Amino acid sequence: MQNKILILNDILKGRGQFASEWFLVILKLENKIEWVLKPINEVINFYGGEVMFSPQGSLKIGKVTMQRKGGDDGRESAKMLQFKIDPTLLLK
């Protein structure tokens, strides 16, 4: 349980002097602009949740999906992980 929180902190907040305290989402569709600015700890709680595997085999922690990057034609970077979130969920 504690590792889940550490992982989400690393993904969304970062560490050290450049760790973020706020999370800004801006959505511009045609002439309409929506935005939200939230404290990072609130965002971490929002995206956190149960640890599970998706039907495609990706690891999920709440609303955060983790998968092997791949698609780099055999380069070393293909072994890295990528983390996916939908920031527009915070607008609702």
C-alpha atoms as a PDB file:
ATOM      1  CA  MET A   1       0.000   0.000   0.000  1.00  0.00           C
ATOM      2  CA  GLN A   2       2.798   2.452   0.868  1.00  0.00           C
ATOM      3  CA  ASN A   3       4.641   1.733  -2.404  1.00  0.00           C
ATOM      4  CA  LYS A   4       1.517   2.673  -4.365  1.00  0.00           C
ATOM      5  CA  ILE A   5       1.569   6.139  -2.806  1.00  0.00           C
ATOM      6  CA  LEU A   6       5.307   6.518  -3.480  1.00  0.00           C
ATOM      7  CA  ILE A   7       4.844   5.536  -7.137  1.00  0.00           C
ATOM      8  CA  LEU A   8       2.000   8.022  -7.640  1.00  0.00           C
ATOM      9  CA  ASN A   9       4.051  10.738  -5.931  1.00  0.00           C
ATOM     10  CA  ASP A  10       6.999  10.071  -8.244  1.00  0.00           C
ATOM     11  CA  ILE A  11       4.793  10.091 -11.357  1.00  0.00           C
ATOM     12  CA  LEU A  12       2.663  13.141 -10.595  1.00  0.00           C
ATOM     13  CA  LYS A  13       4.650  15.245  -8.127  1.00  0.00           C
ATOM     14  CA  GLY A  14       8.312  14.436  -8.604  1.00  0.00           C
ATOM     15  CA  ARG A  15      11.078  14.827  -6.031  1.00  0.00           C
ATOM     16  CA  GLY A  16      13.521  17.402  -4.791  1.00  0.00           C
ATOM     17  CA  GLN A  17      13.557  21.100  -5.500  1.00  0.00           C
ATOM     18  CA  PHE A  18      11.463  20.723  -8.663  1.00  0.00           C
ATOM     19  CA  ALA A  19       8.619  18.757  -7.029  1.00  0.00           C
ATOM     20  CA  SER A  20       5.320  20.342  -8.027  1.00  0.00           C
ATOM     21  CA  GLU A  21       2.795  21.658  -5.536  1.00  0.00           C
ATOM     22  CA  TRP A  22       0.040  22.381  -8.071  1.00  0.00           C
ATOM     23  CA  PHE A  23      -1.472  20.646 -11.113  1.00  0.00           C
ATOM     24  CA  LEU A  24      -2.881  22.764 -13.963  1.00  0.00           C
ATOM     25  CA  VAL A  25      -5.136  21.422 -16.721  1.00  0.00           C
ATOM     26  CA  ILE A  26      -6.262  23.616 -19.622  1.00  0.00           C
ATOM     27  CA  LEU A  27      -8.653  22.358 -22.301  1.00  0.00           C
ATOM     28  CA  LYS A  28      -9.308  24.479 -25.394  1.00  0.00           C
ATOM     29  CA  LEU A  29     -12.006  23.256 -27.758  1.00  0.00           C
ATOM     30  CA  GLU A  30     -12.768  25.681 -30.579  1.00  0.00           C
ATOM     31  CA  ASN A  31     -13.543  29.000 -28.817  1.00  0.00           C
ATOM     32  CA  LYS A  32     -14.217  27.529 -25.381  1.00  0.00           C
ATOM     33  CA  ILE A  33     -11.505  27.290 -22.719  1.00  0.00           C
ATOM     34  CA  GLU A  34     -11.864  25.295 -19.493  1.00  0.00           C
ATOM     35  CA  TRP A  35      -9.203  25.089 -16.835  1.00  0.00           C
ATOM     36  CA  VAL A  36      -8.631  23.847 -13.308  1.00  0.00           C
ATOM     37  CA  LEU A  37      -5.769  24.359 -10.853  1.00  0.00           C
ATOM     38  CA  LYS A  38      -5.595  21.846  -8.004  1.00  0.00           C
ATOM     39  CA  PRO A  39      -3.168  21.096  -5.180  1.00  0.00           C
ATOM     40  CA  ILE A  40      -0.961  18.163  -6.161  1.00  0.00           C
ATOM     41  CA  ASN A  41      -1.935  16.075  -3.114  1.00  0.00           C
ATOM     42  CA  GLU A  42      -5.603  16.331  -4.090  1.00  0.00           C
ATOM     43  CA  VAL A  43      -4.679  15.189  -7.619  1.00  0.00           C
ATOM     44  CA  ILE A  44      -2.683  12.228  -6.259  1.00  0.00           C
ATOM     45  CA  ASN A  45      -5.688  11.162  -4.169  1.00  0.00           C
ATOM     46  CA  PHE A  46      -8.000  11.567  -7.186  1.00  0.00           C
ATOM     47  CA  TYR A  47      -5.888   9.414  -9.528  1.00  0.00           C
ATOM     48  CA  GLY A  48      -4.971   6.819  -6.876  1.00  0.00           C
ATOM     49  CA  GLY A  49      -6.970   3.679  -6.246  1.00  0.00           C
ATOM     50  CA  GLU A  50      -6.932  -0.088  -6.449  1.00  0.00           C
ATOM     51  CA  VAL A  51      -3.946  -1.854  -8.021  1.00  0.00           C
ATOM     52  CA  MET A  52      -5.001  -4.194 -10.859  1.00  0.00           C
ATOM     53  CA  PHE A  53      -4.169  -5.417 -14.348  1.00  0.00           C
ATOM     54  CA  SER A  54      -6.150  -4.241 -17.364  1.00  0.00           C
ATOM     55  CA  PRO A  55      -7.482  -6.796 -19.875  1.00  0.00           C
ATOM     56  CA  GLN A  56      -4.594  -5.748 -22.181  1.00  0.00           C
ATOM     57  CA  GLY A  57      -2.040  -6.621 -19.464  1.00  0.00           C
ATOM     58  CA  SER A  58      -1.138  -3.098 -18.349  1.00  0.00           C
ATOM     59  CA  LEU A  59      -0.707  -2.402 -14.647  1.00  0.00           C
ATOM     60  CA  LYS A  60      -3.142   0.146 -13.234  1.00  0.00           C
ATOM     61  CA  ILE A  61      -3.016   2.085  -9.995  1.00  0.00           C
ATOM     62  CA  GLY A  62      -6.415   3.695  -9.820  1.00  0.00           C
ATOM     63  CA  LYS A  63      -6.736   5.924 -12.892  1.00  0.00           C
ATOM     64  CA  VAL A  64      -3.014   5.698 -13.802  1.00  0.00           C
ATOM     65  CA  THR A  65      -1.997   3.117 -16.429  1.00  0.00           C
ATOM     66  CA  MET A  66       1.580   1.819 -16.617  1.00  0.00           C
ATOM     67  CA  GLN A  67       2.937  -0.108 -19.567  1.00  0.00           C
ATOM     68  CA  ARG A  68       6.204  -0.954 -21.266  1.00  0.00           C
ATOM     69  CA  LYS A  69       6.997   1.772 -23.773  1.00  0.00           C
ATOM     70  CA  GLY A  70       7.936  -0.400 -26.771  1.00  0.00           C
ATOM     71  CA  GLY A  71       7.693   0.716 -30.378  1.00  0.00           C
ATOM     72  CA  ASP A  72      11.255   2.064 -30.525  1.00  0.00           C
ATOM     73  CA  ASP A  73      12.633  -0.376 -33.103  1.00  0.00           C
ATOM     74  CA  GLY A  74      14.692  -2.284 -30.521  1.00  0.00           C
ATOM     75  CA  ARG A  75      16.363   0.738 -28.893  1.00  0.00           C
ATOM     76  CA  GLU A  76      17.055   0.782 -25.138  1.00  0.00           C
ATOM     77  CA  SER A  77      14.199   3.230 -24.577  1.00  0.00           C
ATOM     78  CA  ALA A  78      11.744   0.464 -25.552  1.00  0.00           C
ATOM     79  CA  LYS A  79      12.439  -1.123 -22.152  1.00  0.00           C
ATOM     80  CA  MET A  80      11.240   1.951 -20.270  1.00  0.00           C
ATOM     81  CA  LEU A  81       7.842   2.369 -18.644  1.00  0.00           C
ATOM     82  CA  GLN A  82       5.301   4.951 -19.664  1.00  0.00           C
ATOM     83  CA  PHE A  83       2.557   6.262 -17.425  1.00  0.00           C
ATOM     84  CA  LYS A  84      -0.768   7.470 -18.772  1.00  0.00           C
ATOM     85  CA  ILE A  85      -3.440   9.634 -17.181  1.00  0.00           C
ATOM     86  CA  ASP A  86      -6.419  11.515 -18.561  1.00  0.00           C
ATOM     87  CA  PRO A  87      -5.965  15.039 -17.171  1.00  0.00           C
ATOM     88  CA  THR A  88      -9.409  16.123 -18.415  1.00  0.00           C
ATOM     89  CA  LEU A  89     -10.992  13.965 -15.687  1.00  0.00           C
ATOM     90  CA  LEU A  90     -10.082  16.765 -13.272  1.00  0.00           C
ATOM     91  CA  LEU A  91     -12.370  19.156 -15.169  1.00  0.00           C
ATOM     92  CA  LYS A  92     -15.492  17.218 -14.201  1.00  0.00           C
END
